[in-house]
Each structure stands twice: as structure tokens, then as C-alpha cells.
């Protein structure tokens, strides 16, 4: 095993993939706890579809770095989703379905009218962390650091908003602002994470670690810490197994997350019995 790891890490593109993957997995897990507790779990799935639509349109028009275009578009979409979701006439799940399906349809149409399903578009759909360009790697590192730093700075306020938004408003805290911060940070991670996991699987690294850690841990702080650890471990095991068995990296990461979720669920049952 040690020899396999040494061989794997001898490749520069895998070293970059590991660095980016660890950072994205860490940030996704931190945000995932708040999203799960606030019942915004599906926002990740919705934003990934928006990201796919923007990225495919940008690629169809020959954009050199489509991620730079996708970030502001998906960020704006995240805020719009929250605004629509707060509308009593349109519930949050309906808003996500409305925007995500529309964006996906536009992306597929743009792809069909241009070059068809080329390699870049397939990478966005199914993920290919090993195919990330140097520009993508640098952008992913910068975005991940920004997300982690902002999460730490606003940790206490995000904690209050996550558990009791009405109390936060009553105590003078601008709850909507911090809810928007969660949405914007999620949008950033969704865009840079799509290269790693693809549209179909990106929401899994946001949701799985949080749900897994909640099987055993109950306090917000413990769930945050354990979720981050679970996410990073799942990524490292996933990329190792994908290298050894030549399986899609994104799919392998999700499978490892699934196994850990089942394992923690069994442990929870044993503890409570």
C-alpha cells in the first residue's frame, strides 16, 4: 500500500488533485452542516445544475477559463434561490427545481448547437479532478481558502442563524445577511468542486459528511469537526482506490462516503440499543 501511495504521489497532476480535493472536501463539509440543519440540502444540487448550464454555455462560446464566468453567475443564482424560497407562493424545493432544470436545459441546448458533448462538457457533468488545468487549480485553492477563512470569521453568527433564525433576528442579528453568506460560500465551492465531482455528484460531498457525523455526534462543534475529518478521509481513500482500480474518482469518493454513512448508522444503532 505504501508503495502504491508513493507511486501515485510521484505524479504532479495527482499532487495537485490531492491538494485541491482536500481543500474542497474540507470546505464542503463545513458548509454542509449548516445546509443540512437549515434544510437547504438540495441547494447544492440546484446550484450544480446552474453551474453546468453556465460552464457549457461559456465553453460553447470558446471561453478560455469558464470557471471565472461561472462563479459570479452561480453566486447570483444562490441569492435568487433564497429570495424565491422565502416567497410564500413558491417554496424552496420548487424554486430549486425551477432554476436548476432551466439552467440544465439551457446548457444542454447550447452544447447541442455548438460542438456536442465534448471532453470539457463531460468533465463538468461527471467530474475529472485529474484533468484540472493549472488555472483551475489556482482558482480552486484561492476560493477554498476564502471560504474557510470566512466560515471561521462568521462561525458564531452562522451557528445562531443555523439553529434559530427567528431568535437571531430578535437579538438584532441580520439573519438574512448571514443566510446569504452561507449560500454564496456554497455557490463558490459548488463551482470549483464540479471539476472534482461533476454535476451529478458534487452535492454528495456537501451532504454525506454532515449526515454521517450526525449519526453519532450531536453538538454543532463536534459535528463540524467530525464532518470535516470524514470528508477529507473519504476523499483521500476515494482517490487512492480510484487510482488503484481505475474507477472514476468522483464515484469512488461518493461510495466511500456511503460506506462510512452506513458504518456510522450501525454504530449509532448499537450505542442507542
C-alpha atoms as a PDB file:
ATOM      1  CA  UNK A   1       0.000   0.000   0.000  1.00  0.00           C
ATOM      2  CA  UNK A   2       2.805   2.417   0.920  1.00  0.00           C
ATOM      3  CA  UNK A   3       4.465   1.679  -2.402  1.00  0.00           C
ATOM      4  CA  UNK A   4       1.222   2.370  -4.256  1.00  0.00           C
ATOM      5  CA  UNK A   5       0.777   5.676  -2.427  1.00  0.00           C
ATOM      6  CA  UNK A   6       4.365   6.679  -3.189  1.00  0.00           C
ATOM      7  CA  UNK A   7       3.881   5.807  -6.853  1.00  0.00           C
ATOM      8  CA  UNK A   8       0.603   7.698  -7.007  1.00  0.00           C
ATOM      9  CA  UNK A   9       2.024  10.814  -5.344  1.00  0.00           C
ATOM     10  CA  UNK A  10       5.014  10.849  -7.705  1.00  0.00           C
ATOM     11  CA  UNK A  11       2.751  12.331 -10.389  1.00  0.00           C
ATOM     12  CA  UNK A  12       2.460  16.118 -10.344  1.00  0.00           C
ATOM     13  CA  UNK A  13      -1.167  16.107 -11.530  1.00  0.00           C
ATOM     14  CA  UNK A  14      -2.161  13.819  -8.644  1.00  0.00           C
ATOM     15  CA  UNK A  15      -0.320  16.007  -6.137  1.00  0.00           C
ATOM     16  CA  UNK A  16      -2.344  18.977  -7.387  1.00  0.00           C
ATOM     17  CA  UNK A  17      -5.548  16.923  -7.326  1.00  0.00           C
ATOM     18  CA  UNK A  18      -4.944  15.859  -3.715  1.00  0.00           C
ATOM     19  CA  UNK A  19      -4.257  19.432  -2.601  1.00  0.00           C
ATOM     20  CA  UNK A  20      -7.364  20.812  -4.297  1.00  0.00           C
ATOM     21  CA  UNK A  21      -9.517  17.846  -3.286  1.00  0.00           C
ATOM     22  CA  UNK A  22      -8.633  18.107   0.402  1.00  0.00           C
ATOM     23  CA  UNK A  23      -9.399  21.834   0.462  1.00  0.00           C
ATOM     24  CA  UNK A  24     -12.713  21.498  -1.394  1.00  0.00           C
ATOM     25  CA  UNK A  25     -13.783  18.489   0.708  1.00  0.00           C
ATOM     26  CA  UNK A  26     -12.992  20.394   3.898  1.00  0.00           C
ATOM     27  CA  UNK A  27     -14.949  23.495   2.867  1.00  0.00           C
ATOM     28  CA  UNK A  28     -17.878  21.462   1.534  1.00  0.00           C
ATOM     29  CA  UNK A  29     -18.160  19.618   4.849  1.00  0.00           C
ATOM     30  CA  UNK A  30     -18.114  22.840   6.876  1.00  0.00           C
ATOM     31  CA  UNK A  31     -20.944  24.337   4.827  1.00  0.00           C
ATOM     32  CA  UNK A  32     -22.834  21.058   4.624  1.00  0.00           C
ATOM     33  CA  UNK A  33     -23.639  21.039   8.330  1.00  0.00           C
ATOM     34  CA  UNK A  34     -25.442  24.392   8.146  1.00  0.00           C
ATOM     35  CA  UNK A  35     -27.212  23.438   4.915  1.00  0.00           C
ATOM     36  CA  UNK A  36     -28.487  20.143   6.347  1.00  0.00           C
ATOM     37  CA  UNK A  37     -29.654  21.717   9.605  1.00  0.00           C
ATOM     38  CA  UNK A  38     -31.412  24.561   7.750  1.00  0.00           C
ATOM     39  CA  UNK A  39     -32.955  22.028   5.342  1.00  0.00           C
ATOM     40  CA  UNK A  40     -31.215  23.567   2.352  1.00  0.00           C
ATOM     41  CA  UNK A  41     -29.655  20.231   1.391  1.00  0.00           C
ATOM     42  CA  UNK A  42     -30.873  20.337  -2.197  1.00  0.00           C
ATOM     43  CA  UNK A  43     -29.485  23.810  -2.883  1.00  0.00           C
ATOM     44  CA  UNK A  44     -26.146  22.194  -3.729  1.00  0.00           C
ATOM     45  CA  UNK A  45     -27.781  20.034  -6.372  1.00  0.00           C
ATOM     46  CA  UNK A  46     -29.655  23.018  -7.791  1.00  0.00           C
ATOM     47  CA  UNK A  47     -26.556  25.224  -7.955  1.00  0.00           C
ATOM     48  CA  UNK A  48     -24.529  22.476  -9.603  1.00  0.00           C
ATOM     49  CA  UNK A  49     -27.089  22.369 -12.432  1.00  0.00           C
ATOM     50  CA  UNK A  50     -26.857  26.142 -12.758  1.00  0.00           C
ATOM     51  CA  UNK A  51     -23.070  25.821 -12.812  1.00  0.00           C
ATOM     52  CA  UNK A  52     -23.278  23.215 -15.559  1.00  0.00           C
ATOM     53  CA  UNK A  53     -25.514  25.465 -17.635  1.00  0.00           C
ATOM     54  CA  UNK A  54     -23.145  28.436 -17.304  1.00  0.00           C
ATOM     55  CA  UNK A  55     -20.000  26.376 -17.886  1.00  0.00           C
ATOM     56  CA  UNK A  56     -21.351  24.691 -21.014  1.00  0.00           C
ATOM     57  CA  UNK A  57     -22.553  27.987 -22.486  1.00  0.00           C
ATOM     58  CA  UNK A  58     -19.167  29.580 -21.697  1.00  0.00           C
ATOM     59  CA  UNK A  59     -17.379  26.605 -23.265  1.00  0.00           C
ATOM     60  CA  UNK A  60     -19.626  26.761 -26.336  1.00  0.00           C
ATOM     61  CA  UNK A  61     -18.597  30.394 -26.854  1.00  0.00           C
ATOM     62  CA  UNK A  62     -14.930  29.493 -26.517  1.00  0.00           C
ATOM     63  CA  UNK A  63     -14.181  30.899 -23.046  1.00  0.00           C
ATOM     64  CA  UNK A  64     -10.625  30.022 -22.013  1.00  0.00           C
ATOM     65  CA  UNK A  65     -11.436  29.813 -18.293  1.00  0.00           C
ATOM     66  CA  UNK A  66     -15.186  29.149 -17.935  1.00  0.00           C
ATOM     67  CA  UNK A  67     -14.897  28.808 -14.140  1.00  0.00           C
ATOM     68  CA  UNK A  68     -14.263  32.559 -13.894  1.00  0.00           C
ATOM     69  CA  UNK A  69     -17.589  33.151 -15.624  1.00  0.00           C
ATOM     70  CA  UNK A  70     -19.470  30.520 -13.645  1.00  0.00           C
ATOM     71  CA  UNK A  71     -18.543  31.827 -10.181  1.00  0.00           C
ATOM     72  CA  UNK A  72     -20.445  35.154 -10.314  1.00  0.00           C
ATOM     73  CA  UNK A  73     -23.396  33.597 -12.168  1.00  0.00           C
ATOM     74  CA  UNK A  74     -23.836  30.742  -9.687  1.00  0.00           C
ATOM     75  CA  UNK A  75     -23.342  33.119  -6.747  1.00  0.00           C
ATOM     76  CA  UNK A  76     -26.158  35.359  -8.019  1.00  0.00           C
ATOM     77  CA  UNK A  77     -28.311  32.261  -8.573  1.00  0.00           C
ATOM     78  CA  UNK A  78     -27.744  31.180  -4.958  1.00  0.00           C
ATOM     79  CA  UNK A  79     -29.057  34.506  -3.670  1.00  0.00           C
ATOM     80  CA  UNK A  80     -32.017  34.391  -6.082  1.00  0.00           C
ATOM     81  CA  UNK A  81     -32.852  30.862  -4.886  1.00  0.00           C
ATOM     82  CA  UNK A  82     -33.030  32.070  -1.310  1.00  0.00           C
ATOM     83  CA  UNK A  83     -35.158  35.061  -2.253  1.00  0.00           C
ATOM     84  CA  UNK A  84     -37.586  32.924  -4.231  1.00  0.00           C
ATOM     85  CA  UNK A  85     -37.604  30.275  -1.495  1.00  0.00           C
ATOM     86  CA  UNK A  86     -38.662  32.902   1.045  1.00  0.00           C
ATOM     87  CA  UNK A  87     -41.604  33.773  -1.174  1.00  0.00           C
ATOM     88  CA  UNK A  88     -44.735  32.206   0.303  1.00  0.00           C
ATOM     89  CA  UNK A  89     -46.068  31.494  -3.194  1.00  0.00           C
ATOM     90  CA  UNK A  90     -43.035  29.453  -4.294  1.00  0.00           C
ATOM     91  CA  UNK A  91     -41.437  27.045  -1.807  1.00  0.00           C
ATOM     92  CA  UNK A  92     -37.680  26.449  -1.710  1.00  0.00           C
ATOM     93  CA  UNK A  93     -37.802  22.945  -3.240  1.00  0.00           C
ATOM     94  CA  UNK A  94     -39.927  24.244  -6.123  1.00  0.00           C
ATOM     95  CA  UNK A  95     -37.556  27.187  -6.626  1.00  0.00           C
ATOM     96  CA  UNK A  96     -34.555  24.850  -6.818  1.00  0.00           C
ATOM     97  CA  UNK A  97     -36.322  22.584  -9.325  1.00  0.00           C
ATOM     98  CA  UNK A  98     -37.401  25.601 -11.392  1.00  0.00           C
ATOM     99  CA  UNK A  99     -33.975  27.202 -11.682  1.00  0.00           C
ATOM    100  CA  UNK A 100     -31.862  24.037 -11.880  1.00  0.00           C
ATOM    101  CA  UNK A 101     -33.911  22.375 -14.621  1.00  0.00           C
ATOM    102  CA  UNK A 102     -33.989  25.611 -16.642  1.00  0.00           C
ATOM    103  CA  UNK A 103     -30.218  26.090 -16.357  1.00  0.00           C
ATOM    104  CA  UNK A 104     -29.551  22.458 -17.252  1.00  0.00           C
ATOM    105  CA  UNK A 105     -31.806  22.694 -20.304  1.00  0.00           C
ATOM    106  CA  UNK A 106     -30.040  25.857 -21.495  1.00  0.00           C
ATOM    107  CA  UNK A 107     -26.664  24.176 -21.044  1.00  0.00           C
ATOM    108  CA  UNK A 108     -27.653  21.060 -22.979  1.00  0.00           C
ATOM    109  CA  UNK A 109     -29.183  23.187 -25.755  1.00  0.00           C
ATOM    110  CA  UNK A 110     -26.034  25.329 -26.029  1.00  0.00           C
ATOM    111  CA  UNK A 111     -23.910  22.182 -26.198  1.00  0.00           C
ATOM    112  CA  UNK A 112     -26.088  20.657 -28.923  1.00  0.00           C
ATOM    113  CA  UNK A 113     -25.951  23.822 -31.035  1.00  0.00           C
ATOM    114  CA  UNK A 114     -22.167  24.121 -30.798  1.00  0.00           C
ATOM    115  CA  UNK A 115     -19.818  21.152 -30.633  1.00  0.00           C
ATOM    116  CA  UNK A 116     -21.863  18.451 -28.967  1.00  0.00           C
ATOM    117  CA  UNK A 117     -20.758  16.571 -25.848  1.00  0.00           C
ATOM    118  CA  UNK A 118     -17.025  17.293 -25.961  1.00  0.00           C
ATOM    119  CA  UNK A 119     -14.470  16.307 -23.319  1.00  0.00           C
ATOM    120  CA  UNK A 120     -14.786  19.524 -21.299  1.00  0.00           C
ATOM    121  CA  UNK A 121     -18.549  19.220 -21.050  1.00  0.00           C
ATOM    122  CA  UNK A 122     -18.274  15.560 -19.974  1.00  0.00           C
ATOM    123  CA  UNK A 123     -15.771  16.591 -17.303  1.00  0.00           C
ATOM    124  CA  UNK A 124     -18.275  19.116 -15.966  1.00  0.00           C
ATOM    125  CA  UNK A 125     -21.037  16.504 -15.964  1.00  0.00           C
ATOM    126  CA  UNK A 126     -19.159  13.596 -14.376  1.00  0.00           C
ATOM    127  CA  UNK A 127     -16.071  15.243 -12.885  1.00  0.00           C
ATOM    128  CA  UNK A 128     -12.380  14.792 -13.657  1.00  0.00           C
ATOM    129  CA  UNK A 129     -10.152  16.160 -10.932  1.00  0.00           C
ATOM    130  CA  UNK A 130      -7.055  14.745 -12.632  1.00  0.00           C
ATOM    131  CA  UNK A 131      -7.788  16.855 -15.744  1.00  0.00           C
ATOM    132  CA  UNK A 132      -7.790  20.206 -13.937  1.00  0.00           C
ATOM    133  CA  UNK A 133      -5.676  22.898 -15.565  1.00  0.00           C
ATOM    134  CA  UNK A 134      -3.163  24.958 -13.599  1.00  0.00           C
ATOM    135  CA  UNK A 135      -5.539  27.943 -13.729  1.00  0.00           C
ATOM    136  CA  UNK A 136      -8.357  25.781 -12.301  1.00  0.00           C
ATOM    137  CA  UNK A 137      -6.075  24.561  -9.515  1.00  0.00           C
ATOM    138  CA  UNK A 138      -5.003  28.085  -8.531  1.00  0.00           C
ATOM    139  CA  UNK A 139      -8.601  29.335  -8.600  1.00  0.00           C
ATOM    140  CA  UNK A 140      -9.791  26.362  -6.524  1.00  0.00           C
ATOM    141  CA  UNK A 141      -7.102  26.936  -3.894  1.00  0.00           C
ATOM    142  CA  UNK A 142      -7.878  30.650  -3.624  1.00  0.00           C
ATOM    143  CA  UNK A 143     -11.648  30.076  -3.409  1.00  0.00           C
ATOM    144  CA  UNK A 144     -11.255  27.296  -0.814  1.00  0.00           C
ATOM    145  CA  UNK A 145      -9.047  29.456   1.404  1.00  0.00           C
ATOM    146  CA  UNK A 146     -11.516  32.365   1.157  1.00  0.00           C
ATOM    147  CA  UNK A 147     -14.447  30.097   2.056  1.00  0.00           C
ATOM    148  CA  UNK A 148     -12.616  28.533   5.026  1.00  0.00           C
ATOM    149  CA  UNK A 149     -11.473  31.915   6.378  1.00  0.00           C
ATOM    150  CA  UNK A 150     -14.941  33.485   6.065  1.00  0.00           C
ATOM    151  CA  UNK A 151     -16.546  30.469   7.723  1.00  0.00           C
ATOM    152  CA  UNK A 152     -14.163  30.772  10.684  1.00  0.00           C
ATOM    153  CA  UNK A 153     -14.695  34.551  10.958  1.00  0.00           C
ATOM    154  CA  UNK A 154     -18.506  34.259  10.924  1.00  0.00           C
ATOM    155  CA  UNK A 155     -18.668  30.926  12.772  1.00  0.00           C
ATOM    156  CA  UNK A 156     -20.652  32.157  15.797  1.00  0.00           C
ATOM    157  CA  UNK A 157     -23.139  34.143  13.727  1.00  0.00           C
ATOM    158  CA  UNK A 158     -23.636  31.253  11.310  1.00  0.00           C
ATOM    159  CA  UNK A 159     -24.195  28.974  14.315  1.00  0.00           C
ATOM    160  CA  UNK A 160     -27.000  31.193  15.632  1.00  0.00           C
ATOM    161  CA  UNK A 161     -28.612  31.626  12.211  1.00  0.00           C
ATOM    162  CA  UNK A 162     -28.415  27.888  11.531  1.00  0.00           C
ATOM    163  CA  UNK A 163     -30.242  26.840  14.695  1.00  0.00           C
ATOM    164  CA  UNK A 164     -32.737  29.633  15.265  1.00  0.00           C
ATOM    165  CA  UNK A 165     -33.178  32.286  12.603  1.00  0.00           C
ATOM    166  CA  UNK A 166     -36.075  33.925  14.436  1.00  0.00           C
ATOM    167  CA  UNK A 167     -34.003  34.275  17.614  1.00  0.00           C
ATOM    168  CA  UNK A 168     -31.155  35.707  15.547  1.00  0.00           C
ATOM    169  CA  UNK A 169     -33.491  38.353  14.117  1.00  0.00           C
ATOM    170  CA  UNK A 170     -34.956  39.128  17.548  1.00  0.00           C
ATOM    171  CA  UNK A 171     -31.469  39.613  19.002  1.00  0.00           C
ATOM    172  CA  UNK A 172     -30.636  42.194  16.334  1.00  0.00           C
ATOM    173  CA  UNK A 173     -28.553  39.913  14.116  1.00  0.00           C
ATOM    174  CA  UNK A 174     -29.079  40.428  10.395  1.00  0.00           C
ATOM    175  CA  UNK A 175     -30.069  36.817   9.778  1.00  0.00           C
ATOM    176  CA  UNK A 176     -30.763  37.243   6.058  1.00  0.00           C
ATOM    177  CA  UNK A 177     -27.245  38.564   5.508  1.00  0.00           C
ATOM    178  CA  UNK A 178     -25.640  35.506   7.085  1.00  0.00           C
ATOM    179  CA  UNK A 179     -28.003  33.138   5.333  1.00  0.00           C
ATOM    180  CA  UNK A 180     -26.877  34.778   2.096  1.00  0.00           C
ATOM    181  CA  UNK A 181     -23.258  34.287   3.161  1.00  0.00           C
ATOM    182  CA  UNK A 182     -23.896  30.555   3.557  1.00  0.00           C
ATOM    183  CA  UNK A 183     -25.493  30.449   0.107  1.00  0.00           C
ATOM    184  CA  UNK A 184     -22.674  32.425  -1.536  1.00  0.00           C
ATOM    185  CA  UNK A 185     -19.947  30.291   0.056  1.00  0.00           C
ATOM    186  CA  UNK A 186     -21.817  27.181  -1.058  1.00  0.00           C
ATOM    187  CA  UNK A 187     -22.017  28.542  -4.608  1.00  0.00           C
ATOM    188  CA  UNK A 188     -18.253  29.118  -4.666  1.00  0.00           C
ATOM    189  CA  UNK A 189     -17.495  25.582  -3.518  1.00  0.00           C
ATOM    190  CA  UNK A 190     -20.036  24.103  -5.938  1.00  0.00           C
ATOM    191  CA  UNK A 191     -18.365  25.769  -8.930  1.00  0.00           C
ATOM    192  CA  UNK A 192     -14.777  24.810  -8.104  1.00  0.00           C
ATOM    193  CA  UNK A 193     -15.893  21.374  -6.887  1.00  0.00           C
ATOM    194  CA  UNK A 194     -17.603  20.498 -10.147  1.00  0.00           C
ATOM    195  CA  UNK A 195     -14.237  19.739 -11.725  1.00  0.00           C
ATOM    196  CA  UNK A 196     -13.652  17.193  -8.982  1.00  0.00           C
ATOM    197  CA  UNK A 197     -17.069  15.571  -8.627  1.00  0.00           C
ATOM    198  CA  UNK A 198     -19.133  16.703 -11.606  1.00  0.00           C
ATOM    199  CA  UNK A 199     -22.705  17.986 -11.678  1.00  0.00           C
ATOM    200  CA  UNK A 200     -24.153  14.604 -10.805  1.00  0.00           C
ATOM    201  CA  UNK A 201     -22.151  14.051  -7.615  1.00  0.00           C
ATOM    202  CA  UNK A 202     -20.993  17.415  -6.221  1.00  0.00           C
ATOM    203  CA  UNK A 203     -23.874  17.769  -3.735  1.00  0.00           C
ATOM    204  CA  UNK A 204     -22.900  14.430  -2.169  1.00  0.00           C
ATOM    205  CA  UNK A 205     -19.671  15.788  -0.627  1.00  0.00           C
ATOM    206  CA  UNK A 206     -21.707  18.582   0.957  1.00  0.00           C
ATOM    207  CA  UNK A 207     -24.451  16.380   2.405  1.00  0.00           C
ATOM    208  CA  UNK A 208     -22.876  12.985   3.196  1.00  0.00           C
ATOM    209  CA  UNK A 209     -20.206  14.044   5.755  1.00  0.00           C
ATOM    210  CA  UNK A 210     -22.722  16.121   7.727  1.00  0.00           C
ATOM    211  CA  UNK A 211     -25.334  13.365   7.807  1.00  0.00           C
ATOM    212  CA  UNK A 212     -22.689  10.784   8.703  1.00  0.00           C
ATOM    213  CA  UNK A 213     -21.264  12.736  11.635  1.00  0.00           C
ATOM    214  CA  UNK A 214     -24.786  13.497  12.915  1.00  0.00           C
ATOM    215  CA  UNK A 215     -25.366   9.771  13.397  1.00  0.00           C
ATOM    216  CA  UNK A 216     -23.106   9.875  16.474  1.00  0.00           C
ATOM    217  CA  UNK A 217     -22.301  13.471  17.399  1.00  0.00           C
ATOM    218  CA  UNK A 218     -24.958  15.954  18.475  1.00  0.00           C
ATOM    219  CA  UNK A 219     -23.247  19.260  19.313  1.00  0.00           C
ATOM    220  CA  UNK A 220     -22.688  21.717  16.447  1.00  0.00           C
ATOM    221  CA  UNK A 221     -18.946  21.993  17.092  1.00  0.00           C
ATOM    222  CA  UNK A 222     -18.387  18.228  17.237  1.00  0.00           C
ATOM    223  CA  UNK A 223     -20.451  17.702  14.096  1.00  0.00           C
ATOM    224  CA  UNK A 224     -18.438  20.377  12.265  1.00  0.00           C
ATOM    225  CA  UNK A 225     -15.088  18.850  13.264  1.00  0.00           C
ATOM    226  CA  UNK A 226     -16.087  15.237  12.616  1.00  0.00           C
ATOM    227  CA  UNK A 227     -17.745  16.162   9.327  1.00  0.00           C
ATOM    228  CA  UNK A 228     -14.540  17.840   8.130  1.00  0.00           C
ATOM    229  CA  UNK A 229     -12.457  14.812   9.128  1.00  0.00           C
ATOM    230  CA  UNK A 230     -14.877  12.359   7.486  1.00  0.00           C
ATOM    231  CA  UNK A 231     -14.942  14.413   4.275  1.00  0.00           C
ATOM    232  CA  UNK A 232     -11.156  14.603   3.953  1.00  0.00           C
ATOM    233  CA  UNK A 233     -10.684  10.918   4.794  1.00  0.00           C
ATOM    234  CA  UNK A 234     -13.368   9.927   2.273  1.00  0.00           C
ATOM    235  CA  UNK A 235     -11.632  11.958  -0.420  1.00  0.00           C
ATOM    236  CA  UNK A 236      -8.182  10.503   0.301  1.00  0.00           C
ATOM    237  CA  UNK A 237      -9.464   6.922   0.366  1.00  0.00           C
ATOM    238  CA  UNK A 238     -11.591   7.579  -2.718  1.00  0.00           C
ATOM    239  CA  UNK A 239      -8.773   8.997  -4.843  1.00  0.00           C
ATOM    240  CA  UNK A 240      -6.456   6.166  -3.750  1.00  0.00           C
ATOM    241  CA  UNK A 241      -8.971   3.456  -4.665  1.00  0.00           C
ATOM    242  CA  UNK A 242      -9.808   5.174  -7.950  1.00  0.00           C
ATOM    243  CA  UNK A 243      -6.102   5.177  -8.828  1.00  0.00           C
ATOM    244  CA  UNK A 244      -5.616   1.509  -7.888  1.00  0.00           C
ATOM    245  CA  UNK A 245      -8.758   0.167  -9.568  1.00  0.00           C
ATOM    246  CA  UNK A 246      -9.067   2.739 -12.380  1.00  0.00           C
ATOM    247  CA  UNK A 247     -12.537   3.861 -11.288  1.00  0.00           C
ATOM    248  CA  UNK A 248     -14.000   7.358 -11.610  1.00  0.00           C
ATOM    249  CA  UNK A 249     -12.630   9.466  -8.743  1.00  0.00           C
ATOM    250  CA  UNK A 250     -15.921  11.231  -8.027  1.00  0.00           C
ATOM    251  CA  UNK A 251     -17.891   7.979  -7.950  1.00  0.00           C
ATOM    252  CA  UNK A 252     -15.333   6.342  -5.660  1.00  0.00           C
ATOM    253  CA  UNK A 253     -15.443   9.253  -3.209  1.00  0.00           C
ATOM    254  CA  UNK A 254     -19.235   9.001  -3.002  1.00  0.00           C
ATOM    255  CA  UNK A 255     -19.054   5.222  -2.476  1.00  0.00           C
ATOM    256  CA  UNK A 256     -16.593   5.690   0.405  1.00  0.00           C
ATOM    257  CA  UNK A 257     -18.911   8.325   1.897  1.00  0.00           C
ATOM    258  CA  UNK A 258     -21.817   5.903   1.584  1.00  0.00           C
ATOM    259  CA  UNK A 259     -19.883   3.117   3.341  1.00  0.00           C
ATOM    260  CA  UNK A 260     -18.953   5.460   6.207  1.00  0.00           C
ATOM    261  CA  UNK A 261     -22.563   6.622   6.499  1.00  0.00           C
ATOM    262  CA  UNK A 262     -23.760   3.022   6.806  1.00  0.00           C
ATOM    263  CA  UNK A 263     -20.981   2.249   9.304  1.00  0.00           C
ATOM    264  CA  UNK A 264     -21.833   5.267  11.488  1.00  0.00           C
ATOM    265  CA  UNK A 265     -25.531   4.387  11.302  1.00  0.00           C
ATOM    266  CA  UNK A 266     -24.757   0.892  12.595  1.00  0.00           C
ATOM    267  CA  UNK A 267     -22.633   2.364  15.396  1.00  0.00           C
ATOM    268  CA  UNK A 268     -25.466   4.752  16.291  1.00  0.00           C
ATOM    269  CA  UNK A 269     -27.913   1.855  16.495  1.00  0.00           C
ATOM    270  CA  UNK A 270     -25.532  -0.152  18.714  1.00  0.00           C
ATOM    271  CA  UNK A 271     -24.970   2.832  21.031  1.00  0.00           C
ATOM    272  CA  UNK A 272     -28.681   3.591  21.443  1.00  0.00           C
ATOM    273  CA  UNK A 273     -29.637  -0.058  21.862  1.00  0.00           C
END
